[in-house]
PDB file of N, CA and C in Angstrom:
ATOM      1  N   UNK A   1      -7.312  11.303   1.677  1.00  0.00           N
ATOM      2  CA  UNK A   1      -8.150  10.970   0.538  1.00  0.00           C
ATOM      3  C   UNK A   1      -9.389  11.865   0.582  1.00  0.00           C
ATOM      4  N   UNK A   2      -9.633  12.557  -0.509  1.00  0.00           N
ATOM      5  CA  UNK A   2     -10.815  13.410  -0.624  1.00  0.00           C
ATOM      6  C   UNK A   2     -11.939  12.578  -1.228  1.00  0.00           C
ATOM      7  N   UNK A   3     -13.115  12.632  -0.605  1.00  0.00           N
ATOM      8  CA  UNK A   3     -14.290  11.896  -1.082  1.00  0.00           C
ATOM      9  C   UNK A   3     -15.421  12.893  -1.283  1.00  0.00           C
ATOM     10  N   UNK A   4     -15.962  12.959  -2.511  1.00  0.00           N
ATOM     11  CA  UNK A   4     -17.058  13.886  -2.799  1.00  0.00           C
ATOM     12  C   UNK A   4     -18.090  13.205  -3.695  1.00  0.00           C
ATOM     13  N   UNK A   5     -19.319  13.721  -3.641  1.00  0.00           N
ATOM     14  CA  UNK A   5     -20.350  13.164  -4.511  1.00  0.00           C
ATOM     15  C   UNK A   5     -20.609  14.058  -5.723  1.00  0.00           C
ATOM     16  N   UNK A   6     -19.716  15.007  -5.965  1.00  0.00           N
ATOM     17  CA  UNK A   6     -19.786  15.832  -7.170  1.00  0.00           C
ATOM     18  C   UNK A   6     -18.836  15.264  -8.210  1.00  0.00           C
ATOM     19  N   UNK A   7     -18.965  15.739  -9.451  1.00  0.00           N
ATOM     20  CA  UNK A   7     -18.078  15.223 -10.499  1.00  0.00           C
ATOM     21  C   UNK A   7     -16.877  16.144 -10.731  1.00  0.00           C
ATOM     22  N   UNK A   8     -16.586  16.991  -9.765  1.00  0.00           N
ATOM     23  CA  UNK A   8     -15.436  17.892  -9.846  1.00  0.00           C
ATOM     24  C   UNK A   8     -14.996  18.257  -8.424  1.00  0.00           C
ATOM     25  N   UNK A   9     -13.805  18.808  -8.321  1.00  0.00           N
ATOM     26  CA  UNK A   9     -13.313  19.389  -7.075  1.00  0.00           C
ATOM     27  C   UNK A   9     -12.851  20.795  -7.443  1.00  0.00           C
ATOM     28  N   UNK A  10     -13.462  21.784  -6.855  1.00  0.00           N
ATOM     29  CA  UNK A  10     -13.193  23.186  -7.195  1.00  0.00           C
ATOM     30  C   UNK A  10     -11.698  23.493  -7.155  1.00  0.00           C
ATOM     31  N   UNK A  11     -11.233  24.140  -8.212  1.00  0.00           N
ATOM     32  CA  UNK A  11      -9.848  24.591  -8.265  1.00  0.00           C
ATOM     33  C   UNK A  11      -8.841  23.512  -8.592  1.00  0.00           C
ATOM     34  N   UNK A  12      -9.292  22.308  -8.889  1.00  0.00           N
ATOM     35  CA  UNK A  12      -8.362  21.208  -9.180  1.00  0.00           C
ATOM     36  C   UNK A  12      -8.565  20.718 -10.610  1.00  0.00           C
ATOM     37  N   UNK A  13      -7.458  20.433 -11.266  1.00  0.00           N
ATOM     38  CA  UNK A  13      -7.505  19.795 -12.577  1.00  0.00           C
ATOM     39  C   UNK A  13      -7.342  18.297 -12.335  1.00  0.00           C
ATOM     40  N   UNK A  14      -8.242  17.508 -12.901  1.00  0.00           N
ATOM     41  CA  UNK A  14      -8.321  16.078 -12.573  1.00  0.00           C
ATOM     42  C   UNK A  14      -7.930  15.191 -13.729  1.00  0.00           C
ATOM     43  N   UNK A  15      -7.306  14.077 -13.378  1.00  0.00           N
ATOM     44  CA  UNK A  15      -7.039  13.001 -14.334  1.00  0.00           C
ATOM     45  C   UNK A  15      -7.816  11.779 -13.842  1.00  0.00           C
ATOM     46  N   UNK A  16      -8.705  11.266 -14.676  1.00  0.00           N
ATOM     47  CA  UNK A  16      -9.504  10.103 -14.311  1.00  0.00           C
ATOM     48  C   UNK A  16      -8.656   8.843 -14.358  1.00  0.00           C
ATOM     49  N   UNK A  17      -8.734   8.047 -13.305  1.00  0.00           N
ATOM     50  CA  UNK A  17      -8.020   6.771 -13.273  1.00  0.00           C
ATOM     51  C   UNK A  17      -8.960   5.630 -13.664  1.00  0.00           C
ATOM     52  N   UNK A  18      -9.932   5.324 -12.798  1.00  0.00           N
ATOM     53  CA  UNK A  18     -10.920   4.285 -13.098  1.00  0.00           C
ATOM     54  C   UNK A  18     -11.981   4.275 -12.007  1.00  0.00           C
ATOM     55  N   UNK A  19     -13.036   3.506 -12.225  1.00  0.00           N
ATOM     56  CA  UNK A  19     -14.058   3.342 -11.203  1.00  0.00           C
ATOM     57  C   UNK A  19     -13.488   2.485 -10.074  1.00  0.00           C
ATOM     58  N   UNK A  20     -13.822   2.853  -8.847  1.00  0.00           N
ATOM     59  CA  UNK A  20     -13.446   2.060  -7.678  1.00  0.00           C
ATOM     60  C   UNK A  20     -14.715   1.754  -6.900  1.00  0.00           C
ATOM     61  N   UNK A  21     -14.680   0.672  -6.133  1.00  0.00           N
ATOM     62  CA  UNK A  21     -15.882   0.272  -5.398  1.00  0.00           C
ATOM     63  C   UNK A  21     -15.503  -0.429  -4.109  1.00  0.00           C
ATOM     64  N   UNK A  22     -16.478  -0.541  -3.267  1.00  0.00           N
ATOM     65  CA  UNK A  22     -16.360  -1.319  -2.042  1.00  0.00           C
ATOM     66  C   UNK A  22     -17.745  -1.831  -1.704  1.00  0.00           C
ATOM     67  N   UNK A  23     -17.816  -3.005  -1.107  1.00  0.00           N
ATOM     68  CA  UNK A  23     -19.126  -3.537  -0.725  1.00  0.00           C
ATOM     69  C   UNK A  23     -18.997  -4.455   0.482  1.00  0.00           C
ATOM     70  N   UNK A  24     -20.140  -4.713   1.088  1.00  0.00           N
ATOM     71  CA  UNK A  24     -20.227  -5.667   2.187  1.00  0.00           C
ATOM     72  C   UNK A  24     -21.663  -6.153   2.274  1.00  0.00           C
ATOM     73  N   UNK A  25     -21.831  -7.340   2.778  1.00  0.00           N
ATOM     74  CA  UNK A  25     -23.166  -7.880   3.053  1.00  0.00           C
ATOM     75  C   UNK A  25     -23.223  -8.134   4.547  1.00  0.00           C
ATOM     76  N   UNK A  26     -24.232  -7.560   5.189  1.00  0.00           N
ATOM     77  CA  UNK A  26     -24.347  -7.630   6.642  1.00  0.00           C
ATOM     78  C   UNK A  26     -25.708  -8.179   7.034  1.00  0.00           C
ATOM     79  N   UNK A  27     -25.740  -8.806   8.199  1.00  0.00           N
ATOM     80  CA  UNK A  27     -27.012  -9.259   8.762  1.00  0.00           C
ATOM     81  C   UNK A  27     -26.934  -9.146  10.280  1.00  0.00           C
ATOM     82  N   UNK A  28     -28.088  -9.128  10.897  1.00  0.00           N
ATOM     83  CA  UNK A  28     -28.171  -9.128  12.349  1.00  0.00           C
ATOM     84  C   UNK A  28     -28.449 -10.555  12.807  1.00  0.00           C
ATOM     85  N   UNK A  29     -28.026 -10.873  14.020  1.00  0.00           N
ATOM     86  CA  UNK A  29     -28.285 -12.218  14.526  1.00  0.00           C
ATOM     87  C   UNK A  29     -29.777 -12.399  14.790  1.00  0.00           C
ATOM     88  N   UNK A  30     -30.210 -13.613  14.903  1.00  0.00           N
ATOM     89  CA  UNK A  30     -31.624 -13.964  15.002  1.00  0.00           C
ATOM     90  C   UNK A  30     -32.355 -13.194  16.103  1.00  0.00           C
ATOM     91  N   UNK A  31     -31.742 -13.025  17.247  1.00  0.00           N
ATOM     92  CA  UNK A  31     -32.386 -12.310  18.355  1.00  0.00           C
ATOM     93  C   UNK A  31     -32.719 -10.873  17.981  1.00  0.00           C
ATOM     94  N   UNK A  32     -31.764 -10.184  17.376  1.00  0.00           N
ATOM     95  CA  UNK A  32     -31.997  -8.797  16.955  1.00  0.00           C
ATOM     96  C   UNK A  32     -33.038  -8.760  15.839  1.00  0.00           C
ATOM     97  N   UNK A  33     -32.997  -9.748  14.945  1.00  0.00           N
ATOM     98  CA  UNK A  33     -33.956  -9.796  13.845  1.00  0.00           C
ATOM     99  C   UNK A  33     -35.372  -9.996  14.377  1.00  0.00           C
ATOM    100  N   UNK A  34     -35.537 -10.863  15.377  1.00  0.00           N
ATOM    101  CA  UNK A  34     -36.853 -11.077  15.985  1.00  0.00           C
ATOM    102  C   UNK A  34     -37.353  -9.819  16.692  1.00  0.00           C
ATOM    103  N   UNK A  35     -36.457  -9.133  17.405  1.00  0.00           N
ATOM    104  CA  UNK A  35     -36.848  -7.906  18.093  1.00  0.00           C
ATOM    105  C   UNK A  35     -37.265  -6.833  17.090  1.00  0.00           C
ATOM    106  N   UNK A  36     -36.548  -6.751  15.973  1.00  0.00           N
ATOM    107  CA  UNK A  36     -36.915  -5.782  14.935  1.00  0.00           C
ATOM    108  C   UNK A  36     -38.276  -6.124  14.350  1.00  0.00           C
ATOM    109  N   UNK A  37     -38.549  -7.420  14.177  1.00  0.00           N
ATOM    110  CA  UNK A  37     -39.856  -7.852  13.678  1.00  0.00           C
ATOM    111  C   UNK A  37     -40.973  -7.438  14.608  1.00  0.00           C
ATOM    112  N   UNK A  38     -40.755  -7.557  15.914  1.00  0.00           N
ATOM    113  CA  UNK A  38     -41.754  -7.130  16.894  1.00  0.00           C
ATOM    114  C   UNK A  38     -41.931  -5.610  16.869  1.00  0.00           C
ATOM    115  N   UNK A  39     -40.849  -4.897  16.644  1.00  0.00           N
ATOM    116  CA  UNK A  39     -40.903  -3.434  16.612  1.00  0.00           C
ATOM    117  C   UNK A  39     -41.771  -2.943  15.448  1.00  0.00           C
ATOM    118  N   UNK A  40     -41.821  -3.701  14.360  1.00  0.00           N
ATOM    119  CA  UNK A  40     -42.632  -3.270  13.217  1.00  0.00           C
ATOM    120  C   UNK A  40     -44.118  -3.268  13.559  1.00  0.00           C
ATOM    121  N   UNK A  41     -44.514  -4.005  14.573  1.00  0.00           N
ATOM    122  CA  UNK A  41     -45.925  -4.040  14.991  1.00  0.00           C
ATOM    123  C   UNK A  41     -46.324  -2.708  15.626  1.00  0.00           C
ATOM    124  N   UNK A  42     -45.437  -2.162  16.470  1.00  0.00           N
ATOM    125  CA  UNK A  42     -45.763  -0.927  17.183  1.00  0.00           C
ATOM    126  C   UNK A  42     -45.237   0.320  16.486  1.00  0.00           C
ATOM    127  N   UNK A  43     -44.329   0.148  15.561  1.00  0.00           N
ATOM    128  CA  UNK A  43     -43.770   1.277  14.830  1.00  0.00           C
ATOM    129  C   UNK A  43     -42.545   1.855  15.508  1.00  0.00           C
ATOM    130  N   UNK A  44     -41.866   2.712  14.797  1.00  0.00           N
ATOM    131  CA  UNK A  44     -40.670   3.370  15.316  1.00  0.00           C
ATOM    132  C   UNK A  44     -39.426   2.943  14.576  1.00  0.00           C
ATOM    133  N   UNK A  45     -38.329   3.566  14.937  1.00  0.00           N
ATOM    134  CA  UNK A  45     -37.058   3.280  14.276  1.00  0.00           C
ATOM    135  C   UNK A  45     -36.527   1.915  14.688  1.00  0.00           C
ATOM    136  N   UNK A  46     -36.025   1.189  13.731  1.00  0.00           N
ATOM    137  CA  UNK A  46     -35.379  -0.107  13.984  1.00  0.00           C
ATOM    138  C   UNK A  46     -33.889   0.173  14.186  1.00  0.00           C
ATOM    139  N   UNK A  47     -33.530   0.546  15.413  1.00  0.00           N
ATOM    140  CA  UNK A  47     -32.175   1.016  15.677  1.00  0.00           C
ATOM    141  C   UNK A  47     -31.104  -0.026  15.378  1.00  0.00           C
ATOM    142  N   UNK A  48     -31.412  -1.297  15.573  1.00  0.00           N
ATOM    143  CA  UNK A  48     -30.394  -2.316  15.280  1.00  0.00           C
ATOM    144  C   UNK A  48     -30.084  -2.351  13.781  1.00  0.00           C
ATOM    145  N   UNK A  49     -31.087  -2.095  12.949  1.00  0.00           N
ATOM    146  CA  UNK A  49     -30.845  -2.049  11.503  1.00  0.00           C
ATOM    147  C   UNK A  49     -30.176  -0.743  11.091  1.00  0.00           C
ATOM    148  N   UNK A  50     -30.518   0.347  11.752  1.00  0.00           N
ATOM    149  CA  UNK A  50     -29.841   1.617  11.490  1.00  0.00           C
ATOM    150  C   UNK A  50     -28.353   1.470  11.772  1.00  0.00           C
ATOM    151  N   UNK A  51     -28.033   0.889  12.912  1.00  0.00           N
ATOM    152  CA  UNK A  51     -26.630   0.666  13.283  1.00  0.00           C
ATOM    153  C   UNK A  51     -25.944  -0.265  12.297  1.00  0.00           C
ATOM    154  N   UNK A  52     -26.631  -1.333  11.889  1.00  0.00           N
ATOM    155  CA  UNK A  52     -26.055  -2.287  10.948  1.00  0.00           C
ATOM    156  C   UNK A  52     -25.717  -1.595   9.628  1.00  0.00           C
ATOM    157  N   UNK A  53     -26.630  -0.774   9.116  1.00  0.00           N
ATOM    158  CA  UNK A  53     -26.397  -0.116   7.831  1.00  0.00           C
ATOM    159  C   UNK A  53     -25.343   0.982   7.945  1.00  0.00           C
ATOM    160  N   UNK A  54     -25.284   1.691   9.068  1.00  0.00           N
ATOM    161  CA  UNK A  54     -24.217   2.673   9.280  1.00  0.00           C
ATOM    162  C   UNK A  54     -22.853   1.984   9.257  1.00  0.00           C
ATOM    163  N   UNK A  55     -22.764   0.864   9.956  1.00  0.00           N
ATOM    164  CA  UNK A  55     -21.519   0.093   9.984  1.00  0.00           C
ATOM    165  C   UNK A  55     -21.179  -0.433   8.587  1.00  0.00           C
ATOM    166  N   UNK A  56     -22.166  -0.919   7.875  1.00  0.00           N
ATOM    167  CA  UNK A  56     -21.947  -1.447   6.529  1.00  0.00           C
ATOM    168  C   UNK A  56     -21.457  -0.352   5.584  1.00  0.00           C
ATOM    169  N   UNK A  57     -22.041   0.849   5.670  1.00  0.00           N
ATOM    170  CA  UNK A  57     -21.586   1.956   4.818  1.00  0.00           C
ATOM    171  C   UNK A  57     -20.140   2.315   5.129  1.00  0.00           C
ATOM    172  N   UNK A  58     -19.767   2.319   6.403  1.00  0.00           N
ATOM    173  CA  UNK A  58     -18.387   2.633   6.785  1.00  0.00           C
ATOM    174  C   UNK A  58     -17.416   1.583   6.247  1.00  0.00           C
ATOM    175  N   UNK A  59     -17.785   0.314   6.346  1.00  0.00           N
ATOM    176  CA  UNK A  59     -16.924  -0.764   5.846  1.00  0.00           C
ATOM    177  C   UNK A  59     -16.787  -0.672   4.326  1.00  0.00           C
ATOM    178  N   UNK A  60     -17.907  -0.489   3.637  1.00  0.00           N
ATOM    179  CA  UNK A  60     -17.880  -0.406   2.169  1.00  0.00           C
ATOM    180  C   UNK A  60     -17.055   0.798   1.712  1.00  0.00           C
ATOM    181  N   UNK A  61     -17.210   1.935   2.400  1.00  0.00           N
ATOM    182  CA  UNK A  61     -16.446   3.134   2.044  1.00  0.00           C
ATOM    183  C   UNK A  61     -14.961   2.895   2.246  1.00  0.00           C
ATOM    184  N   UNK A  62     -14.592   2.267   3.353  1.00  0.00           N
ATOM    185  CA  UNK A  62     -13.175   1.947   3.612  1.00  0.00           C
ATOM    186  C   UNK A  62     -12.616   1.059   2.509  1.00  0.00           C
ATOM    187  N   UNK A  63     -13.386   0.073   2.072  1.00  0.00           N
ATOM    188  CA  UNK A  63     -12.925  -0.820   1.006  1.00  0.00           C
ATOM    189  C   UNK A  63     -12.757  -0.065  -0.311  1.00  0.00           C
ATOM    190  N   UNK A  64     -13.653   0.887  -0.588  1.00  0.00           N
ATOM    191  CA  UNK A  64     -13.519   1.692  -1.798  1.00  0.00           C
ATOM    192  C   UNK A  64     -12.261   2.556  -1.720  1.00  0.00           C
ATOM    193  N   UNK A  65     -12.017   3.192  -0.571  1.00  0.00           N
ATOM    194  CA  UNK A  65     -10.827   4.015  -0.382  1.00  0.00           C
ATOM    195  C   UNK A  65      -9.569   3.165  -0.540  1.00  0.00           C
ATOM    196  N   UNK A  66      -9.563   1.971   0.032  1.00  0.00           N
ATOM    197  CA  UNK A  66      -8.420   1.061  -0.116  1.00  0.00           C
ATOM    198  C   UNK A  66      -8.167   0.748  -1.589  1.00  0.00           C
ATOM    199  N   UNK A  67      -9.246   0.496  -2.344  1.00  0.00           N
ATOM    200  CA  UNK A  67      -9.141   0.230  -3.781  1.00  0.00           C
ATOM    201  C   UNK A  67      -8.518   1.428  -4.484  1.00  0.00           C
ATOM    202  N   UNK A  68      -8.975   2.637  -4.144  1.00  0.00           N
ATOM    203  CA  UNK A  68      -8.447   3.858  -4.767  1.00  0.00           C
ATOM    204  C   UNK A  68      -6.979   4.072  -4.412  1.00  0.00           C
ATOM    205  N   UNK A  69      -6.620   3.809  -3.175  1.00  0.00           N
ATOM    206  CA  UNK A  69      -5.235   4.009  -2.747  1.00  0.00           C
ATOM    207  C   UNK A  69      -4.279   3.055  -3.452  1.00  0.00           C
ATOM    208  N   UNK A  70      -4.733   1.854  -3.779  1.00  0.00           N
ATOM    209  CA  UNK A  70      -3.851   0.887  -4.460  1.00  0.00           C
ATOM    210  C   UNK A  70      -3.446   1.361  -5.852  1.00  0.00           C
ATOM    211  N   UNK A  71      -4.224   2.265  -6.440  1.00  0.00           N
ATOM    212  CA  UNK A  71      -3.865   2.780  -7.775  1.00  0.00           C
ATOM    213  C   UNK A  71      -3.334   4.213  -7.704  1.00  0.00           C
ATOM    214  N   UNK A  72      -3.058   4.686  -6.497  1.00  0.00           N
ATOM    215  CA  UNK A  72      -2.440   5.994  -6.323  1.00  0.00           C
ATOM    216  C   UNK A  72      -3.375   7.180  -6.480  1.00  0.00           C
ATOM    217  N   UNK A  73      -4.654   6.978  -6.247  1.00  0.00           N
ATOM    218  CA  UNK A  73      -5.627   8.064  -6.385  1.00  0.00           C
ATOM    219  C   UNK A  73      -5.455   9.102  -5.282  1.00  0.00           C
ATOM    220  N   UNK A  74      -5.758  10.351  -5.624  1.00  0.00           N
ATOM    221  CA  UNK A  74      -5.763  11.439  -4.654  1.00  0.00           C
ATOM    222  C   UNK A  74      -7.157  11.666  -4.083  1.00  0.00           C
ATOM    223  N   UNK A  75      -8.179  11.255  -4.842  1.00  0.00           N
ATOM    224  CA  UNK A  75      -9.559  11.500  -4.423  1.00  0.00           C
ATOM    225  C   UNK A  75     -10.479  10.534  -5.169  1.00  0.00           C
ATOM    226  N   UNK A  76     -11.711  10.457  -4.664  1.00  0.00           N
ATOM    227  CA  UNK A  76     -12.772   9.723  -5.369  1.00  0.00           C
ATOM    228  C   UNK A  76     -13.926  10.707  -5.524  1.00  0.00           C
ATOM    229  N   UNK A  77     -14.360  10.882  -6.763  1.00  0.00           N
ATOM    230  CA  UNK A  77     -15.439  11.808  -7.049  1.00  0.00           C
ATOM    231  C   UNK A  77     -16.685  11.044  -7.485  1.00  0.00           C
ATOM    232  N   UNK A  78     -17.801  11.756  -7.506  1.00  0.00           N
ATOM    233  CA  UNK A  78     -19.071  11.193  -7.987  1.00  0.00           C
ATOM    234  C   UNK A  78     -19.457   9.915  -7.226  1.00  0.00           C
ATOM    235  N   UNK A  79     -19.297   9.940  -5.918  1.00  0.00           N
ATOM    236  CA  UNK A  79     -19.559   8.760  -5.083  1.00  0.00           C
ATOM    237  C   UNK A  79     -21.061   8.510  -4.973  1.00  0.00           C
ATOM    238  N   UNK A  80     -21.429   7.251  -5.091  1.00  0.00           N
ATOM    239  CA  UNK A  80     -22.823   6.833  -4.975  1.00  0.00           C
ATOM    240  C   UNK A  80     -22.898   5.594  -4.096  1.00  0.00           C
ATOM    241  N   UNK A  81     -24.007   5.481  -3.363  1.00  0.00           N
ATOM    242  CA  UNK A  81     -24.277   4.309  -2.521  1.00  0.00           C
ATOM    243  C   UNK A  81     -25.508   3.598  -3.048  1.00  0.00           C
ATOM    244  N   UNK A  82     -25.505   2.286  -2.930  1.00  0.00           N
ATOM    245  CA  UNK A  82     -26.674   1.478  -3.278  1.00  0.00           C
ATOM    246  C   UNK A  82     -26.823   0.401  -2.215  1.00  0.00           C
ATOM    247  N   UNK A  83     -28.063   0.087  -1.894  1.00  0.00           N
ATOM    248  CA  UNK A  83     -28.358  -0.950  -0.907  1.00  0.00           C
ATOM    249  C   UNK A  83     -29.381  -1.894  -1.493  1.00  0.00           C
ATOM    250  N   UNK A  84     -29.203  -3.177  -1.247  1.00  0.00           N
ATOM    251  CA  UNK A  84     -30.190  -4.149  -1.709  1.00  0.00           C
ATOM    252  C   UNK A  84     -30.290  -5.291  -0.704  1.00  0.00           C
ATOM    253  N   UNK A  85     -31.475  -5.853  -0.614  1.00  0.00           N
ATOM    254  CA  UNK A  85     -31.677  -7.030   0.233  1.00  0.00           C
ATOM    255  C   UNK A  85     -31.182  -8.250  -0.517  1.00  0.00           C
ATOM    256  N   UNK A  86     -30.442  -9.097   0.178  1.00  0.00           N
ATOM    257  CA  UNK A  86     -29.971 -10.332  -0.435  1.00  0.00           C
ATOM    258  C   UNK A  86     -30.604 -11.548   0.218  1.00  0.00           C
ATOM    259  N   UNK A  87     -31.179 -11.359   1.399  1.00  0.00           N
ATOM    260  CA  UNK A  87     -31.885 -12.416   2.123  1.00  0.00           C
ATOM    261  C   UNK A  87     -32.675 -11.741   3.237  1.00  0.00           C
ATOM    262  N   UNK A  88     -33.569 -12.460   3.862  1.00  0.00           N
ATOM    263  CA  UNK A  88     -34.323 -11.905   4.989  1.00  0.00           C
ATOM    264  C   UNK A  88     -33.351 -11.456   6.072  1.00  0.00           C
ATOM    265  N   UNK A  89     -33.352 -10.176   6.390  1.00  0.00           N
ATOM    266  CA  UNK A  89     -32.493  -9.659   7.447  1.00  0.00           C
ATOM    267  C   UNK A  89     -31.055  -9.420   7.036  1.00  0.00           C
ATOM    268  N   UNK A  90     -30.737  -9.531   5.744  1.00  0.00           N
ATOM    269  CA  UNK A  90     -29.371  -9.292   5.276  1.00  0.00           C
ATOM    270  C   UNK A  90     -29.418  -8.297   4.121  1.00  0.00           C
ATOM    271  N   UNK A  91     -28.466  -7.370   4.128  1.00  0.00           N
ATOM    272  CA  UNK A  91     -28.428  -6.346   3.092  1.00  0.00           C
ATOM    273  C   UNK A  91     -27.009  -6.172   2.577  1.00  0.00           C
ATOM    274  N   UNK A  92     -26.916  -5.873   1.289  1.00  0.00           N
ATOM    275  CA  UNK A  92     -25.635  -5.514   0.690  1.00  0.00           C
ATOM    276  C   UNK A  92     -25.588  -4.001   0.588  1.00  0.00           C
ATOM    277  N   UNK A  93     -24.461  -3.429   0.935  1.00  0.00           N
ATOM    278  CA  UNK A  93     -24.211  -2.016   0.718  1.00  0.00           C
ATOM    279  C   UNK A  93     -23.045  -1.930  -0.252  1.00  0.00           C
ATOM    280  N   UNK A  94     -23.262  -1.198  -1.331  1.00  0.00           N
ATOM    281  CA  UNK A  94     -22.251  -0.994  -2.375  1.00  0.00           C
ATOM    282  C   UNK A  94     -21.993   0.496  -2.473  1.00  0.00           C
ATOM    283  N   UNK A  95     -20.727   0.882  -2.528  1.00  0.00           N
ATOM    284  CA  UNK A  95     -20.352   2.264  -2.768  1.00  0.00           C
ATOM    285  C   UNK A  95     -19.365   2.282  -3.934  1.00  0.00           C
ATOM    286  N   UNK A  96     -19.534   3.259  -4.828  1.00  0.00           N
ATOM    287  CA  UNK A  96     -18.652   3.325  -5.981  1.00  0.00           C
ATOM    288  C   UNK A  96     -18.462   4.773  -6.392  1.00  0.00           C
ATOM    289  N   UNK A  97     -17.379   5.020  -7.086  1.00  0.00           N
ATOM    290  CA  UNK A  97     -17.075   6.360  -7.565  1.00  0.00           C
ATOM    291  C   UNK A  97     -15.920   6.302  -8.539  1.00  0.00           C
ATOM    292  N   UNK A  98     -15.487   7.474  -8.976  1.00  0.00           N
ATOM    293  CA  UNK A  98     -14.392   7.572  -9.928  1.00  0.00           C
ATOM    294  C   UNK A  98     -13.134   8.021  -9.223  1.00  0.00           C
ATOM    295  N   UNK A  99     -12.099   7.191  -9.294  1.00  0.00           N
ATOM    296  CA  UNK A  99     -10.814   7.534  -8.697  1.00  0.00           C
ATOM    297  C   UNK A  99     -10.121   8.524  -9.618  1.00  0.00           C
ATOM    298  N   UNK A 100      -9.552   9.576  -9.017  1.00  0.00           N
ATOM    299  CA  UNK A 100      -8.870  10.587  -9.808  1.00  0.00           C
ATOM    300  C   UNK A 100      -7.520  10.935  -9.177  1.00  0.00           C
ATOM    301  N   UNK A 101      -6.677  11.509 -10.007  1.00  0.00           N
ATOM    302  CA  UNK A 101      -5.387  12.014  -9.570  1.00  0.00           C
ATOM    303  C   UNK A 101      -5.353  13.485  -9.931  1.00  0.00           C
ATOM    304  N   UNK A 102      -4.777  14.317  -9.081  1.00  0.00           N
ATOM    305  CA  UNK A 102      -4.639  15.737  -9.385  1.00  0.00           C
ATOM    306  C   UNK A 102      -3.506  15.942 -10.365  1.00  0.00           C
ATOM    307  N   UNK A 103      -3.728  16.812 -11.350  1.00  0.00           N
ATOM    308  CA  UNK A 103      -2.666  17.130 -12.331  1.00  0.00           C
ATOM    309  C   UNK A 103      -1.756  18.191 -11.780  1.00  0.00           C
TER     310      UNK A 103
END
């Protein structure tokens, strides 16, 4: 499966299928959340949240690819990510794009 954030793939003629998406909502357990809160006092990277969001992006991307594969797509173009807080210490990661088939 080819994944790109452009609206074309060089040298390929494309047939648009439909928009595909994947999402997940993730949170850290209370202990990690408290440690991250303490880290904000002294500054620096909140590595537990970095790891959480990296994992969330991977899960959401996999779900989008699965969605594209169910309709026989060869690639997903124009991929975009969005993140939003849904609760204290919990975030949704959404990824979406256009599933295409090569002509």
